[in-house]
Amino acid sequence: MESKRPKVGVGVAVVKEGKVLLGKRKNAHGEGTWSFPGGHLEYQESWDDCAFRETLEETGLSIKNIRFGTVTNDIFHEEHKHYVTIIMLSDYESGDLRLMEPDKCEKWEWFNWDKLPDALFVSIENLLKDNYNPLNQ
């Protein structure tokens, strides 16, 4: 039986030219919603290292100026999952945006924070509820 304790996720707000990067999720919880690059924090991994690793693995991009943003308490009622998500902020450094994990993500796109797509991942919905804007941090 799976533990009912919350898991720790890391979401990375990658900023380039005043826009944030979002991917449309598939074959995972939150399927069909748009989310930051990110994933599970590994044992003994720093938040910065996790942010860099997940962004590179999922998008092919290198990031810089990685720093703590905020934390969200994300409950996925339908899926009976609970995550504490560490939102890390970063700036695009280099690389061409690629779909590195097509089994997990349909596509990546850059968005203005005030023109986000419909169907947002719970952690991003929670940022909006808190009036948190990663571009103003």
C-alpha atoms as a PDB file:
ATOM      1  CA  MET A   1       0.000   0.000   0.000  1.00  0.00           C
ATOM      2  CA  GLU A   2       1.315   3.419  -0.935  1.00  0.00           C
ATOM      3  CA  SER A   3       2.111   5.811   1.895  1.00  0.00           C
ATOM      4  CA  LYS A   4      -0.333   8.647   2.488  1.00  0.00           C
ATOM      5  CA  ARG A   5       2.478  11.036   3.361  1.00  0.00           C
ATOM      6  CA  PRO A   6       3.049  14.010   1.044  1.00  0.00           C
ATOM      7  CA  LYS A   7       5.840  13.735  -1.506  1.00  0.00           C
ATOM      8  CA  VAL A   8       8.286  16.497  -2.381  1.00  0.00           C
ATOM      9  CA  GLY A   9       8.203  17.906  -5.887  1.00  0.00           C
ATOM     10  CA  VAL A  10      10.264  20.648  -7.488  1.00  0.00           C
ATOM     11  CA  GLY A  11       8.788  22.929 -10.142  1.00  0.00           C
ATOM     12  CA  VAL A  12      11.077  25.228 -12.107  1.00  0.00           C
ATOM     13  CA  ALA A  13       9.900  28.589 -13.416  1.00  0.00           C
ATOM     14  CA  VAL A  14      12.293  29.091 -16.335  1.00  0.00           C
ATOM     15  CA  VAL A  15      12.184  32.693 -17.540  1.00  0.00           C
ATOM     16  CA  LYS A  16      13.253  33.851 -20.995  1.00  0.00           C
ATOM     17  CA  GLU A  17      12.445  37.259 -22.487  1.00  0.00           C
ATOM     18  CA  GLY A  18       9.736  37.897 -19.899  1.00  0.00           C
ATOM     19  CA  LYS A  19       7.941  34.583 -20.437  1.00  0.00           C
ATOM     20  CA  VAL A  20       7.736  31.327 -18.477  1.00  0.00           C
ATOM     21  CA  LEU A  21       8.088  27.820 -19.877  1.00  0.00           C
ATOM     22  CA  LEU A  22       5.189  25.375 -19.472  1.00  0.00           C
ATOM     23  CA  GLY A  23       4.701  21.833 -20.707  1.00  0.00           C
ATOM     24  CA  LYS A  24       1.427  20.019 -21.360  1.00  0.00           C
ATOM     25  CA  ARG A  25       1.509  16.867 -19.235  1.00  0.00           C
ATOM     26  CA  LYS A  26       0.538  13.368 -20.336  1.00  0.00           C
ATOM     27  CA  ASN A  27       0.675   9.847 -18.870  1.00  0.00           C
ATOM     28  CA  ALA A  28       1.144  11.213 -15.347  1.00  0.00           C
ATOM     29  CA  HIS A  29      -0.928  12.832 -12.633  1.00  0.00           C
ATOM     30  CA  GLY A  30      -2.290  16.123 -13.847  1.00  0.00           C
ATOM     31  CA  GLU A  31      -2.572  14.782 -17.393  1.00  0.00           C
ATOM     32  CA  GLY A  32      -3.744  17.465 -19.823  1.00  0.00           C
ATOM     33  CA  THR A  33      -2.635  20.341 -17.598  1.00  0.00           C
ATOM     34  CA  TRP A  34       0.207  22.792 -18.143  1.00  0.00           C
ATOM     35  CA  SER A  35       3.083  22.799 -15.661  1.00  0.00           C
ATOM     36  CA  PHE A  36       6.640  23.941 -15.128  1.00  0.00           C
ATOM     37  CA  PRO A  37       9.483  21.526 -15.805  1.00  0.00           C
ATOM     38  CA  GLY A  38      10.201  19.561 -12.654  1.00  0.00           C
ATOM     39  CA  GLY A  39       9.852  16.335 -10.784  1.00  0.00           C
ATOM     40  CA  HIS A  40      10.625  14.522  -7.580  1.00  0.00           C
ATOM     41  CA  LEU A  41      13.420  15.669  -5.314  1.00  0.00           C
ATOM     42  CA  GLU A  42      15.902  12.787  -5.084  1.00  0.00           C
ATOM     43  CA  TYR A  43      17.493  11.576  -1.856  1.00  0.00           C
ATOM     44  CA  GLN A  44      20.303  13.950  -0.756  1.00  0.00           C
ATOM     45  CA  GLU A  45      19.783  16.199  -3.796  1.00  0.00           C
ATOM     46  CA  SER A  46      19.828  19.984  -3.372  1.00  0.00           C
ATOM     47  CA  TRP A  47      16.862  21.982  -4.642  1.00  0.00           C
ATOM     48  CA  ASP A  48      19.137  23.810  -7.106  1.00  0.00           C
ATOM     49  CA  ASP A  49      20.588  20.565  -8.464  1.00  0.00           C
ATOM     50  CA  CYS A  50      17.116  19.061  -8.853  1.00  0.00           C
ATOM     51  CA  ALA A  51      15.904  22.163 -10.730  1.00  0.00           C
ATOM     52  CA  PHE A  52      18.884  22.054 -13.099  1.00  0.00           C
ATOM     53  CA  ARG A  53      18.654  18.278 -13.657  1.00  0.00           C
ATOM     54  CA  GLU A  54      14.905  18.137 -14.259  1.00  0.00           C
ATOM     55  CA  THR A  55      14.937  21.113 -16.643  1.00  0.00           C
ATOM     56  CA  LEU A  56      17.787  19.635 -18.692  1.00  0.00           C
ATOM     57  CA  GLU A  57      16.223  16.139 -18.733  1.00  0.00           C
ATOM     58  CA  GLU A  58      12.809  17.378 -19.820  1.00  0.00           C
ATOM     59  CA  THR A  59      13.600  20.315 -22.135  1.00  0.00           C
ATOM     60  CA  GLY A  60      17.259  20.137 -23.172  1.00  0.00           C
ATOM     61  CA  LEU A  61      17.764  23.648 -21.755  1.00  0.00           C
ATOM     62  CA  SER A  62      20.471  24.816 -19.372  1.00  0.00           C
ATOM     63  CA  ILE A  63      19.389  27.315 -16.734  1.00  0.00           C
ATOM     64  CA  LYS A  64      21.220  29.819 -14.534  1.00  0.00           C
ATOM     65  CA  ASN A  65      20.546  32.091 -11.568  1.00  0.00           C
ATOM     66  CA  ILE A  66      18.659  29.255  -9.850  1.00  0.00           C
ATOM     67  CA  ARG A  67      17.018  30.431  -6.636  1.00  0.00           C
ATOM     68  CA  PHE A  68      14.176  29.633  -4.263  1.00  0.00           C
ATOM     69  CA  GLY A  69      10.788  31.078  -5.171  1.00  0.00           C
ATOM     70  CA  THR A  70       8.069  29.760  -2.892  1.00  0.00           C
ATOM     71  CA  VAL A  71       6.326  26.573  -1.769  1.00  0.00           C
ATOM     72  CA  THR A  72       2.867  25.289  -2.653  1.00  0.00           C
ATOM     73  CA  ASN A  73       0.755  22.700  -0.847  1.00  0.00           C
ATOM     74  CA  ASP A  74      -0.771  20.699  -3.696  1.00  0.00           C
ATOM     75  CA  ILE A  75      -3.583  18.223  -3.145  1.00  0.00           C
ATOM     76  CA  PHE A  76      -4.756  16.192  -6.129  1.00  0.00           C
ATOM     77  CA  HIS A  77      -8.150  15.009  -4.862  1.00  0.00           C
ATOM     78  CA  GLU A  78      -9.100  12.798  -7.806  1.00  0.00           C
ATOM     79  CA  GLU A  79      -5.733  11.035  -7.777  1.00  0.00           C
ATOM     80  CA  HIS A  80      -5.417  10.832  -3.986  1.00  0.00           C
ATOM     81  CA  LYS A  81      -1.976  12.445  -4.110  1.00  0.00           C
ATOM     82  CA  HIS A  82      -0.461  15.198  -2.013  1.00  0.00           C
ATOM     83  CA  TYR A  83       2.715  17.094  -2.873  1.00  0.00           C
ATOM     84  CA  VAL A  84       4.661  19.852  -1.240  1.00  0.00           C
ATOM     85  CA  THR A  85       6.099  21.595  -4.291  1.00  0.00           C
ATOM     86  CA  ILE A  86       9.213  23.726  -4.046  1.00  0.00           C
ATOM     87  CA  ILE A  87       8.985  26.368  -6.765  1.00  0.00           C
ATOM     88  CA  MET A  88      12.438  27.337  -7.958  1.00  0.00           C
ATOM     89  CA  LEU A  89      13.097  30.373 -10.144  1.00  0.00           C
ATOM     90  CA  SER A  90      15.682  30.420 -12.926  1.00  0.00           C
ATOM     91  CA  ASP A  91      16.737  32.161 -16.087  1.00  0.00           C
ATOM     92  CA  TYR A  92      17.286  30.518 -19.456  1.00  0.00           C
ATOM     93  CA  GLU A  93      20.993  30.099 -20.145  1.00  0.00           C
ATOM     94  CA  SER A  94      21.416  28.046 -23.328  1.00  0.00           C
ATOM     95  CA  GLY A  95      20.120  25.244 -25.495  1.00  0.00           C
ATOM     96  CA  ASP A  96      17.337  24.634 -27.967  1.00  0.00           C
ATOM     97  CA  LEU A  97      13.950  23.751 -26.511  1.00  0.00           C
ATOM     98  CA  ARG A  98      13.240  20.083 -27.225  1.00  0.00           C
ATOM     99  CA  LEU A  99      10.652  17.523 -26.218  1.00  0.00           C
ATOM    100  CA  MET A 100      13.024  15.180 -24.360  1.00  0.00           C
ATOM    101  CA  GLU A 101      10.364  12.979 -22.730  1.00  0.00           C
ATOM    102  CA  PRO A 102       7.542  12.663 -25.292  1.00  0.00           C
ATOM    103  CA  ASP A 103       5.945   9.917 -23.191  1.00  0.00           C
ATOM    104  CA  LYS A 104       5.440  12.423 -20.333  1.00  0.00           C
ATOM    105  CA  CYS A 105       4.929  15.738 -22.107  1.00  0.00           C
ATOM    106  CA  GLU A 106       2.941  16.639 -25.218  1.00  0.00           C
ATOM    107  CA  LYS A 107       4.704  19.965 -25.934  1.00  0.00           C
ATOM    108  CA  TRP A 108       6.568  22.927 -24.417  1.00  0.00           C
ATOM    109  CA  GLU A 109       5.625  26.572 -24.931  1.00  0.00           C
ATOM    110  CA  TRP A 110       6.601  29.990 -23.571  1.00  0.00           C
ATOM    111  CA  PHE A 111       3.795  32.036 -21.987  1.00  0.00           C
ATOM    112  CA  ASN A 112       3.238  35.503 -20.598  1.00  0.00           C
ATOM    113  CA  TRP A 113       2.246  35.127 -16.933  1.00  0.00           C
ATOM    114  CA  ASP A 114      -0.894  37.200 -17.535  1.00  0.00           C
ATOM    115  CA  LYS A 115      -1.872  35.041 -20.555  1.00  0.00           C
ATOM    116  CA  LEU A 116      -1.528  31.491 -19.235  1.00  0.00           C
ATOM    117  CA  PRO A 117      -3.358  28.630 -20.965  1.00  0.00           C
ATOM    118  CA  ASP A 118      -6.442  26.948 -19.545  1.00  0.00           C
ATOM    119  CA  ALA A 119      -6.042  23.698 -17.600  1.00  0.00           C
ATOM    120  CA  LEU A 120      -3.166  24.530 -15.251  1.00  0.00           C
ATOM    121  CA  PHE A 121      -1.377  22.076 -12.959  1.00  0.00           C
ATOM    122  CA  VAL A 122      -2.425  22.378  -9.298  1.00  0.00           C
ATOM    123  CA  SER A 123       0.835  24.034  -8.187  1.00  0.00           C
ATOM    124  CA  ILE A 124       0.396  26.826 -10.749  1.00  0.00           C
ATOM    125  CA  GLU A 125      -3.269  27.248  -9.777  1.00  0.00           C
ATOM    126  CA  ASN A 126      -2.068  27.647  -6.181  1.00  0.00           C
ATOM    127  CA  LEU A 127       0.488  30.288  -7.233  1.00  0.00           C
ATOM    128  CA  LEU A 128      -2.291  32.254  -8.911  1.00  0.00           C
ATOM    129  CA  LYS A 129      -4.542  31.966  -5.827  1.00  0.00           C
ATOM    130  CA  ASP A 130      -1.685  33.452  -3.772  1.00  0.00           C
ATOM    131  CA  ASN A 131      -1.123  36.225  -6.367  1.00  0.00           C
ATOM    132  CA  TYR A 132       2.437  34.940  -6.795  1.00  0.00           C
ATOM    133  CA  ASN A 133       4.137  35.992 -10.024  1.00  0.00           C
ATOM    134  CA  PRO A 134       7.527  34.358 -10.703  1.00  0.00           C
ATOM    135  CA  LEU A 135       8.419  37.190 -13.072  1.00  0.00           C
ATOM    136  CA  ASN A 136       8.312  39.739 -10.231  1.00  0.00           C
ATOM    137  CA  GLN A 137      10.671  37.913  -7.877  1.00  0.00           C
END
